[in-house]
Protein backbone atom coordinates (compact mmCIF):
# COMPACT_ATOMS: atom_id res chain seq x y z
CA MET A 1 0.00 0.00 0.00
CA SER A 2 1.44 3.37 -0.98
CA SER A 3 1.72 6.31 1.44
CA GLN A 4 -1.11 8.06 -0.39
CA GLN A 5 -3.36 4.99 -0.11
CA GLN A 6 -2.54 4.69 3.60
CA ARG A 7 -3.47 8.35 4.21
CA GLU A 8 -6.73 7.95 2.29
CA SER A 9 -7.62 4.74 4.11
CA VAL A 10 -7.01 6.33 7.54
CA THR A 11 -9.57 9.03 6.81
CA THR A 12 -12.30 6.40 6.31
CA ARG A 13 -11.63 4.50 9.54
CA ARG A 14 -13.62 5.01 12.69
CA LEU A 15 -13.28 4.05 16.31
CA VAL A 16 -16.50 2.45 17.56
CA ASP A 17 -17.51 1.33 21.04
CA LEU A 18 -18.32 -2.35 21.51
CA GLU A 19 -21.31 -3.72 23.38
CA VAL A 20 -20.53 -5.62 26.60
CA ASP A 21 -21.63 -9.00 25.14
CA GLU A 22 -19.37 -8.49 22.13
CA CYS A 23 -16.45 -7.68 24.46
CA TRP A 24 -16.87 -11.01 26.27
CA THR A 25 -17.24 -12.87 22.96
CA LEU A 26 -14.01 -11.35 21.62
CA ALA A 27 -12.10 -11.88 24.88
CA VAL A 28 -12.41 -15.67 24.75
CA THR A 29 -10.86 -15.77 21.26
CA ARG A 30 -7.37 -14.80 22.48
CA PRO A 31 -5.07 -16.91 24.70
CA VAL A 32 -3.06 -14.01 26.16
CA GLY A 33 -4.07 -10.77 27.82
CA ARG A 34 -2.40 -8.16 30.00
CA LEU A 35 -2.94 -7.93 33.74
CA ALA A 36 -2.42 -4.46 35.22
CA TRP A 37 -2.25 -3.22 38.80
CA CYS A 38 -0.60 -0.52 40.87
CA GLY A 39 1.70 -2.02 43.49
CA ALA A 40 4.90 -1.36 45.41
CA GLN A 41 6.86 -0.76 42.19
CA GLY A 42 4.16 1.52 40.76
CA PRO A 43 1.98 0.65 37.76
CA THR A 44 2.75 -2.84 36.43
CA VAL A 45 1.47 -4.65 33.34
CA LEU A 46 2.23 -8.32 32.59
CA PRO A 47 1.18 -10.54 29.70
CA VAL A 48 -0.54 -13.69 31.02
CA ASN A 49 -2.50 -16.69 29.80
CA PHE A 50 -6.09 -16.56 30.98
CA ALA A 51 -9.51 -18.16 30.84
CA VAL A 52 -12.97 -16.70 31.16
CA ASN A 53 -15.38 -18.30 33.63
CA GLY A 54 -18.73 -16.52 33.61
CA THR A 55 -17.98 -12.88 34.41
CA ASN A 56 -14.60 -13.71 35.91
CA VAL A 57 -11.15 -13.83 34.36
CA LEU A 58 -8.84 -16.55 35.71
CA VAL A 59 -5.03 -16.36 35.75
CA ARG A 60 -2.71 -19.05 37.14
CA THR A 61 0.27 -17.89 39.20
CA THR A 62 2.81 -18.97 41.82
CA ALA A 63 2.96 -18.17 45.53
CA TYR A 64 6.16 -16.12 45.09
CA SER A 65 4.98 -13.94 42.20
CA GLU A 66 4.22 -10.22 42.19
CA VAL A 67 0.70 -11.15 41.13
CA SER A 68 0.11 -13.17 44.31
CA ARG A 69 1.74 -10.54 46.54
CA GLU A 70 0.04 -7.47 45.10
CA CYS A 71 -3.24 -8.41 43.41
CA ASP A 72 -5.15 -10.22 46.15
CA ASP A 73 -8.19 -8.19 47.22
CA SER A 74 -6.94 -5.29 45.07
CA PRO A 75 -8.25 -3.35 42.09
CA VAL A 76 -6.85 -4.68 38.81
CA ALA A 77 -7.41 -4.20 35.10
CA PHE A 78 -7.23 -6.77 32.32
CA GLU A 79 -6.83 -5.98 28.63
CA ILE A 80 -7.19 -8.22 25.57
CA ASP A 81 -6.74 -7.11 21.99
CA ASP A 82 -6.24 -8.17 18.41
CA ILE A 83 -4.32 -5.99 15.99
CA ASP A 84 -4.18 -6.33 12.20
CA THR A 85 -1.22 -4.12 11.27
CA GLU A 86 -1.52 -4.80 7.55
CA ASN A 87 -5.11 -3.58 7.37
CA ARG A 88 -4.72 -1.07 10.21
CA ALA A 89 -7.64 -2.51 12.11
CA GLY A 90 -8.30 -4.25 15.39
CA TRP A 91 -10.14 -4.28 18.67
CA SER A 92 -9.38 -3.86 22.35
CA VAL A 93 -11.32 -4.92 25.44
CA LEU A 94 -10.66 -3.50 28.89
CA MET A 95 -12.00 -5.16 32.04
CA ARG A 96 -11.79 -3.66 35.49
CA GLY A 97 -12.46 -5.40 38.76
CA ARG A 98 -10.98 -6.86 41.91
CA GLY A 99 -8.45 -9.68 42.17
CA HIS A 100 -8.92 -12.60 44.58
CA LEU A 101 -6.36 -15.39 45.16
CA GLU A 102 -7.76 -18.91 45.26
CA TYR A 103 -6.39 -22.42 45.72
CA GLY A 104 -7.58 -25.63 44.12
CA PRO A 105 -9.64 -26.32 41.00
CA ALA A 106 -11.91 -23.60 39.64
CA GLY A 107 -14.76 -25.93 38.81
CA GLY A 108 -14.81 -24.65 35.25
CA GLN A 109 -12.51 -23.37 32.55
CA GLU A 110 -8.83 -23.12 33.56
CA PRO A 111 -6.12 -21.11 31.79
CA ASP A 112 -3.86 -22.99 29.38
CA VAL A 113 -0.54 -21.91 30.95
CA TRP A 114 2.36 -21.77 28.50
CA LEU A 115 5.14 -21.74 31.14
CA SER A 116 6.44 -24.88 32.77
CA GLY A 117 6.33 -25.45 36.51
CA PRO A 118 3.52 -25.58 39.02
CA ARG A 119 1.03 -22.74 39.24
CA SER A 120 -0.79 -23.64 42.47
CA LEU A 121 -2.63 -20.34 42.81
CA ARG A 122 -5.30 -18.77 40.71
CA LEU A 123 -6.09 -15.09 40.55
CA ARG A 124 -9.80 -14.67 39.94
CA ILE A 125 -10.65 -11.24 38.63
CA GLU A 126 -14.20 -10.40 39.60
CA VAL A 127 -15.01 -8.15 36.64
CA THR A 128 -17.22 -5.16 37.45
CA GLU A 129 -16.76 -3.07 34.28
CA VAL A 130 -16.20 -4.04 30.65
CA THR A 131 -15.54 -1.66 27.77
CA GLY A 132 -14.22 -2.19 24.27
CA ARG A 133 -13.43 -0.42 21.04
CA ARG A 134 -12.86 -1.45 17.46
CA VAL A 135 -11.12 0.32 14.60
CA THR A 136 -13.31 -0.24 11.58
CA THR A 137 -11.88 -1.00 8.17
CA PRO A 138 -12.97 0.92 5.09
CA GLU A 139 -15.69 -0.75 3.04
């Protein structure tokens, strides 16, 4: 795509808000999201594997992690997105809520953790707010 075509295509794109149901539908299509919180080191954002269980987001972690030390009973945010750089399009979903550490099986969907080693703890994010946006492609 030439520079002129790129400039013309940008002028026809729009940013649109997503409905809550569409945000949840899109979220489950990605295996990795970003967990954010404000802790002892200041704002922190980490990419993590996750699963959605109802209106909760589940993340597996270890007892010695920053996540387990700083996210229990704390406000957190979780972001999932999909970016198409070639077509300059994509979507982003932001979830806000409170983190709760739990032990044992979730009784539902569990994250497919990519890292080796035991992850005996689960951070359950009790989601209280969901927003999303999509960059539309020209027709």
